[in-house]
C-alpha atoms as a PDB file:
ATOM      1  CA  UNK A   1      86.741 136.484 114.255  1.00  0.00           C
ATOM      2  CA  UNK A   2      88.445 133.547 116.007  1.00  0.00           C
ATOM      3  CA  UNK A   3      91.138 134.301 118.563  1.00  0.00           C
ATOM      4  CA  UNK A   4      94.702 133.040 118.153  1.00  0.00           C
ATOM      5  CA  UNK A   5      94.049 130.474 120.896  1.00  0.00           C
ATOM      6  CA  UNK A   6      91.025 129.124 119.001  1.00  0.00           C
ATOM      7  CA  UNK A   7      93.048 128.978 115.783  1.00  0.00           C
ATOM      8  CA  UNK A   8      95.850 127.125 117.573  1.00  0.00           C
ATOM      9  CA  UNK A   9      93.388 124.606 119.041  1.00  0.00           C
ATOM     10  CA  UNK A  10      91.864 124.012 115.611  1.00  0.00           C
ATOM     11  CA  UNK A  11      95.325 123.649 114.067  1.00  0.00           C
ATOM     12  CA  UNK A  12      96.337 121.037 116.629  1.00  0.00           C
ATOM     13  CA  UNK A  13      93.077 119.170 116.051  1.00  0.00           C
ATOM     14  CA  UNK A  14      93.720 119.190 112.297  1.00  0.00           C
ATOM     15  CA  UNK A  15      97.287 117.942 112.776  1.00  0.00           C
ATOM     16  CA  UNK A  16      96.131 115.176 115.139  1.00  0.00           C
ATOM     17  CA  UNK A  17      93.579 114.045 112.545  1.00  0.00           C
ATOM     18  CA  UNK A  18      96.205 114.013 109.812  1.00  0.00           C
ATOM     19  CA  UNK A  19      98.605 112.006 112.006  1.00  0.00           C
ATOM     20  CA  UNK A  20      95.861 109.481 112.715  1.00  0.00           C
ATOM     21  CA  UNK A  21      95.178 109.147 108.996  1.00  0.00           C
ATOM     22  CA  UNK A  22      98.900 108.675 108.261  1.00  0.00           C
ATOM     23  CA  UNK A  23      99.138 105.978 110.946  1.00  0.00           C
ATOM     24  CA  UNK A  24      96.078 104.131 109.660  1.00  0.00           C
ATOM     25  CA  UNK A  25      97.399 104.219 106.097  1.00  0.00           C
ATOM     26  CA  UNK A  26     100.854 103.051 107.264  1.00  0.00           C
ATOM     27  CA  UNK A  27      99.213 100.006 108.824  1.00  0.00           C
ATOM     28  CA  UNK A  28      97.260  99.331 105.624  1.00  0.00           C
ATOM     29  CA  UNK A  29     100.439  99.635 103.525  1.00  0.00           C
ATOM     30  CA  UNK A  30     102.233  97.200 105.813  1.00  0.00           C
ATOM     31  CA  UNK A  31      99.283  94.812 105.883  1.00  0.00           C
ATOM     32  CA  UNK A  32      99.117  94.829 102.070  1.00  0.00           C
ATOM     33  CA  UNK A  33     102.782  93.778 101.808  1.00  0.00           C
ATOM     34  CA  UNK A  34     102.878  91.495 104.856  1.00  0.00           C
ATOM     35  CA  UNK A  35     105.257  93.774 106.790  1.00  0.00           C
ATOM     36  CA  UNK A  36     105.253  94.243 110.559  1.00  0.00           C
ATOM     37  CA  UNK A  37     103.684  97.701 111.102  1.00  0.00           C
ATOM     38  CA  UNK A  38     106.137  98.320 113.944  1.00  0.00           C
ATOM     39  CA  UNK A  39     108.988  98.345 111.397  1.00  0.00           C
ATOM     40  CA  UNK A  40     110.711 101.703 111.029  1.00  0.00           C
ATOM     41  CA  UNK A  41     112.293 101.463 107.580  1.00  0.00           C
ATOM     42  CA  UNK A  42     110.492  99.608 104.818  1.00  0.00           C
ATOM     43  CA  UNK A  43     110.188  99.537 101.057  1.00  0.00           C
ATOM     44  CA  UNK A  44     106.679  98.880  99.862  1.00  0.00           C
ATOM     45  CA  UNK A  45     105.932  96.977  96.675  1.00  0.00           C
ATOM     46  CA  UNK A  46     105.181  98.960  93.527  1.00  0.00           C
ATOM     47  CA  UNK A  47     101.680  97.494  93.401  1.00  0.00           C
ATOM     48  CA  UNK A  48     100.738  98.503  96.951  1.00  0.00           C
ATOM     49  CA  UNK A  49      97.433 100.320  96.453  1.00  0.00           C
ATOM     50  CA  UNK A  50      97.690 102.242  99.746  1.00  0.00           C
ATOM     51  CA  UNK A  51     101.085 103.887  99.139  1.00  0.00           C
ATOM     52  CA  UNK A  52      99.796 106.873  97.087  1.00  0.00           C
ATOM     53  CA  UNK A  53      97.219 107.632  99.787  1.00  0.00           C
ATOM     54  CA  UNK A  54      99.833 107.333 102.545  1.00  0.00           C
ATOM     55  CA  UNK A  55     102.244 109.602 100.670  1.00  0.00           C
ATOM     56  CA  UNK A  56      99.523 112.213 100.108  1.00  0.00           C
ATOM     57  CA  UNK A  57      98.447 112.134 103.765  1.00  0.00           C
ATOM     58  CA  UNK A  58     102.079 112.377 104.895  1.00  0.00           C
ATOM     59  CA  UNK A  59     102.639 115.412 102.658  1.00  0.00           C
ATOM     60  CA  UNK A  60      99.522 117.136 104.012  1.00  0.00           C
ATOM     61  CA  UNK A  61     100.623 116.403 107.583  1.00  0.00           C
ATOM     62  CA  UNK A  62     104.118 117.777 107.003  1.00  0.00           C
ATOM     63  CA  UNK A  63     102.704 120.915 105.371  1.00  0.00           C
ATOM     64  CA  UNK A  64     100.308 121.454 108.291  1.00  0.00           C
ATOM     65  CA  UNK A  65     103.155 121.045 110.794  1.00  0.00           C
ATOM     66  CA  UNK A  66     105.294 123.531 108.881  1.00  0.00           C
ATOM     67  CA  UNK A  67     102.409 126.017 108.739  1.00  0.00           C
ATOM     68  CA  UNK A  68     101.763 125.630 112.472  1.00  0.00           C
ATOM     69  CA  UNK A  69     105.423 126.086 113.378  1.00  0.00           C
ATOM     70  CA  UNK A  70     105.535 129.204 111.204  1.00  0.00           C
ATOM     71  CA  UNK A  71     102.479 130.609 112.979  1.00  0.00           C
ATOM     72  CA  UNK A  72     100.257 130.059 109.965  1.00  0.00           C
ATOM     73  CA  UNK A  73      96.604 129.197 109.728  1.00  0.00           C
ATOM     74  CA  UNK A  74      96.532 125.409 109.555  1.00  0.00           C
ATOM     75  CA  UNK A  75      93.491 123.952 107.860  1.00  0.00           C
ATOM     76  CA  UNK A  76      92.141 127.389 106.940  1.00  0.00           C
ATOM     77  CA  UNK A  77      91.992 129.392 103.733  1.00  0.00           C
ATOM     78  CA  UNK A  78      91.705 133.133 103.313  1.00  0.00           C
ATOM     79  CA  UNK A  79      88.712 133.975 101.132  1.00  0.00           C
ATOM     80  CA  UNK A  80      87.511 137.520 100.693  1.00  0.00           C
ATOM     81  CA  UNK A  81      89.771 138.672 103.504  1.00  0.00           C
ATOM     82  CA  UNK A  82      88.277 136.168 105.997  1.00  0.00           C
ATOM     83  CA  UNK A  83      89.575 132.845 107.321  1.00  0.00           C
ATOM     84  CA  UNK A  84      87.391 129.893 106.261  1.00  0.00           C
ATOM     85  CA  UNK A  85      87.691 126.140 106.693  1.00  0.00           C
END
């Protein structure tokens, strides 16, 4: 069974990956609409094909952060009484 330290390391790795995905999708959203990706507040066009992916990635990232802050098992599921990825 993994130790708490190993679980924390894995959680932080998962969160870092999700943040990277969010950042990449933000840049794609901005690129699609011709917006400077360094902008902080934007409204994307309704037809921007990357927005649903960005929103989904952002939701997953926020959920992982909340789980980590609450001491939960980020990126893991409990199946048959055991933590699995």
